Amino acid sequence: MKWLLRVSSTVAVLYLGLFGAVLLAMRRPPQQFGLFMKHMPQAVVWGFLPSRQMWLWARQGSLEVGQPAPDFTLSTHDGGRRVTLSEHRGRPVVLVFGSYT
């Protein structure tokens, strides 16, 4: 019976350690998270942990309805120039992500 307690305690500590490491990585910038995920088995992260809920919690923002969007800069679709959101304040802006091919 003592061995069962030791095994279950060890499994719980390992699970919490994995949970904490993945959650910490999810809260890092995307490039750092990508480097972390490059070395992690996808089945463990996305199948064994509640990763969807962890991701939503780690990436939730603090923006409320009615607040202005944070400023950012993106390249145009042809890469010819860069556009900053603040250049278009007061005008409707539509962002399209993806491909039409």
C-alpha atoms as a PDB file:
ATOM      1  CA  MET A   1       0.000   0.000   0.000  1.00  0.00           C
ATOM      2  CA  LYS A   2       2.898   2.320   0.731  1.00  0.00           C
ATOM      3  CA  TRP A   3       4.261   1.843  -2.806  1.00  0.00           C
ATOM      4  CA  LEU A   4       0.905   2.908  -4.272  1.00  0.00           C
ATOM      5  CA  LEU A   5       1.075   6.177  -2.367  1.00  0.00           C
ATOM      6  CA  ARG A   6       4.652   6.763  -3.545  1.00  0.00           C
ATOM      7  CA  VAL A   7       3.812   5.997  -7.168  1.00  0.00           C
ATOM      8  CA  SER A   8       0.704   8.174  -7.174  1.00  0.00           C
ATOM      9  CA  SER A   9       2.603  11.015  -5.478  1.00  0.00           C
ATOM     10  CA  THR A  10       5.402  10.766  -8.038  1.00  0.00           C
ATOM     11  CA  VAL A  11       2.921  10.776 -10.934  1.00  0.00           C
ATOM     12  CA  ALA A  12       1.118  13.784  -9.447  1.00  0.00           C
ATOM     13  CA  VAL A  13       4.373  15.734  -9.008  1.00  0.00           C
ATOM     14  CA  LEU A  14       5.469  14.917 -12.581  1.00  0.00           C
ATOM     15  CA  TYR A  15       2.070  15.927 -13.972  1.00  0.00           C
ATOM     16  CA  LEU A  16       2.081  19.228 -12.062  1.00  0.00           C
ATOM     17  CA  GLY A  17       5.639  19.903 -13.212  1.00  0.00           C
ATOM     18  CA  LEU A  18       4.675  19.272 -16.850  1.00  0.00           C
ATOM     19  CA  PHE A  19       1.539  21.371 -16.429  1.00  0.00           C
ATOM     20  CA  GLY A  20       3.541  24.262 -14.965  1.00  0.00           C
ATOM     21  CA  ALA A  21       6.279  24.084 -17.597  1.00  0.00           C
ATOM     22  CA  VAL A  22       3.805  24.087 -20.496  1.00  0.00           C
ATOM     23  CA  LEU A  23       1.722  26.867 -18.953  1.00  0.00           C
ATOM     24  CA  LEU A  24       4.833  28.983 -18.384  1.00  0.00           C
ATOM     25  CA  ALA A  25       5.895  28.390 -21.998  1.00  0.00           C
ATOM     26  CA  MET A  26       2.420  29.367 -23.234  1.00  0.00           C
ATOM     27  CA  ARG A  27       2.722  32.719 -21.485  1.00  0.00           C
ATOM     28  CA  ARG A  28       6.008  33.507 -23.283  1.00  0.00           C
ATOM     29  CA  PRO A  29       6.184  35.271 -26.672  1.00  0.00           C
ATOM     30  CA  PRO A  30       5.184  33.053 -29.631  1.00  0.00           C
ATOM     31  CA  GLN A  31       8.770  32.550 -30.824  1.00  0.00           C
ATOM     32  CA  GLN A  32       9.856  31.258 -27.417  1.00  0.00           C
ATOM     33  CA  PHE A  33       6.768  29.063 -27.135  1.00  0.00           C
ATOM     34  CA  GLY A  34       7.570  27.621 -30.567  1.00  0.00           C
ATOM     35  CA  LEU A  35      11.098  26.760 -29.477  1.00  0.00           C
ATOM     36  CA  PHE A  36       9.706  25.033 -26.391  1.00  0.00           C
ATOM     37  CA  MET A  37       7.133  23.086 -28.417  1.00  0.00           C
ATOM     38  CA  LYS A  38       9.804  22.018 -30.899  1.00  0.00           C
ATOM     39  CA  HIS A  39      11.167  19.741 -28.166  1.00  0.00           C
ATOM     40  CA  MET A  40       7.870  18.544 -26.688  1.00  0.00           C
ATOM     41  CA  PRO A  41       5.818  15.577 -27.921  1.00  0.00           C
ATOM     42  CA  GLN A  42       2.594  17.051 -29.342  1.00  0.00           C
ATOM     43  CA  ALA A  43       0.507  14.131 -28.067  1.00  0.00           C
ATOM     44  CA  VAL A  44       1.626  14.816 -24.502  1.00  0.00           C
ATOM     45  CA  VAL A  45       0.913  18.541 -24.600  1.00  0.00           C
ATOM     46  CA  TRP A  46      -2.333  18.559 -26.589  1.00  0.00           C
ATOM     47  CA  GLY A  47      -3.664  15.139 -25.567  1.00  0.00           C
ATOM     48  CA  PHE A  48      -2.579  14.602 -21.976  1.00  0.00           C
ATOM     49  CA  LEU A  49      -2.979  18.109 -20.558  1.00  0.00           C
ATOM     50  CA  PRO A  50      -6.031  20.429 -20.644  1.00  0.00           C
ATOM     51  CA  SER A  51      -4.070  22.506 -23.171  1.00  0.00           C
ATOM     52  CA  ARG A  52      -7.012  24.271 -24.788  1.00  0.00           C
ATOM     53  CA  GLN A  53      -8.091  25.795 -21.477  1.00  0.00           C
ATOM     54  CA  MET A  54      -4.474  26.503 -20.548  1.00  0.00           C
ATOM     55  CA  TRP A  55      -3.908  28.292 -23.870  1.00  0.00           C
ATOM     56  CA  LEU A  56      -7.044  30.405 -23.512  1.00  0.00           C
ATOM     57  CA  TRP A  57      -6.081  31.393 -19.978  1.00  0.00           C
ATOM     58  CA  ALA A  58      -2.415  32.069 -20.845  1.00  0.00           C
ATOM     59  CA  ARG A  59      -3.302  34.214 -23.877  1.00  0.00           C
ATOM     60  CA  GLN A  60      -6.276  36.108 -22.501  1.00  0.00           C
ATOM     61  CA  GLY A  61      -5.829  39.815 -22.813  1.00  0.00           C
ATOM     62  CA  SER A  62      -7.031  42.680 -20.709  1.00  0.00           C
ATOM     63  CA  LEU A  63      -8.791  44.559 -23.502  1.00  0.00           C
ATOM     64  CA  GLU A  64     -12.382  45.489 -22.705  1.00  0.00           C
ATOM     65  CA  VAL A  65     -15.206  46.405 -25.054  1.00  0.00           C
ATOM     66  CA  GLY A  66     -14.946  50.074 -25.984  1.00  0.00           C
ATOM     67  CA  GLN A  67     -11.203  50.361 -25.395  1.00  0.00           C
ATOM     68  CA  PRO A  68      -9.006  51.289 -28.357  1.00  0.00           C
ATOM     69  CA  ALA A  69      -7.087  48.450 -29.931  1.00  0.00           C
ATOM     70  CA  PRO A  70      -3.392  48.268 -29.061  1.00  0.00           C
ATOM     71  CA  ASP A  71      -1.132  49.733 -31.712  1.00  0.00           C
ATOM     72  CA  PHE A  72       0.771  47.324 -33.957  1.00  0.00           C
ATOM     73  CA  THR A  73       2.612  47.285 -37.265  1.00  0.00           C
ATOM     74  CA  LEU A  74       2.214  44.676 -40.023  1.00  0.00           C
ATOM     75  CA  SER A  75       3.624  44.171 -43.501  1.00  0.00           C
ATOM     76  CA  THR A  76       1.305  44.497 -46.477  1.00  0.00           C
ATOM     77  CA  HIS A  77       0.369  41.342 -48.368  1.00  0.00           C
ATOM     78  CA  ASP A  78       3.058  41.967 -50.986  1.00  0.00           C
ATOM     79  CA  GLY A  79       5.672  42.897 -48.374  1.00  0.00           C
ATOM     80  CA  GLY A  80       6.192  46.250 -50.052  1.00  0.00           C
ATOM     81  CA  ARG A  81       5.574  48.399 -47.006  1.00  0.00           C
ATOM     82  CA  ARG A  82       4.599  48.324 -43.347  1.00  0.00           C
ATOM     83  CA  VAL A  83       1.317  49.661 -41.997  1.00  0.00           C
ATOM     84  CA  THR A  84       0.734  50.834 -38.417  1.00  0.00           C
ATOM     85  CA  LEU A  85      -2.749  50.751 -36.900  1.00  0.00           C
ATOM     86  CA  SER A  86      -2.364  54.195 -35.326  1.00  0.00           C
ATOM     87  CA  GLU A  87      -2.054  55.665 -38.839  1.00  0.00           C
ATOM     88  CA  HIS A  88      -5.707  54.776 -39.358  1.00  0.00           C
ATOM     89  CA  ARG A  89      -7.289  55.951 -36.081  1.00  0.00           C
ATOM     90  CA  GLY A  90     -10.875  57.087 -36.556  1.00  0.00           C
ATOM     91  CA  ARG A  91     -11.374  55.047 -39.722  1.00  0.00           C
ATOM     92  CA  PRO A  92     -12.694  51.487 -40.023  1.00  0.00           C
ATOM     93  CA  VAL A  93      -9.937  48.912 -40.399  1.00  0.00           C
ATOM     94  CA  VAL A  94     -10.392  45.352 -41.651  1.00  0.00           C
ATOM     95  CA  LEU A  95      -7.641  42.804 -41.028  1.00  0.00           C
ATOM     96  CA  VAL A  96      -7.608  39.689 -43.201  1.00  0.00           C
ATOM     97  CA  PHE A  97      -5.410  36.779 -42.189  1.00  0.00           C
ATOM     98  CA  GLY A  98      -5.037  33.747 -44.361  1.00  0.00           C
ATOM     99  CA  SER A  99      -4.844  32.841 -47.998  1.00  0.00           C
ATOM    100  CA  TYR A 100      -7.228  33.055 -50.908  1.00  0.00           C
ATOM    101  CA  THR A 101      -5.541  30.312 -52.909  1.00  0.00           C
END
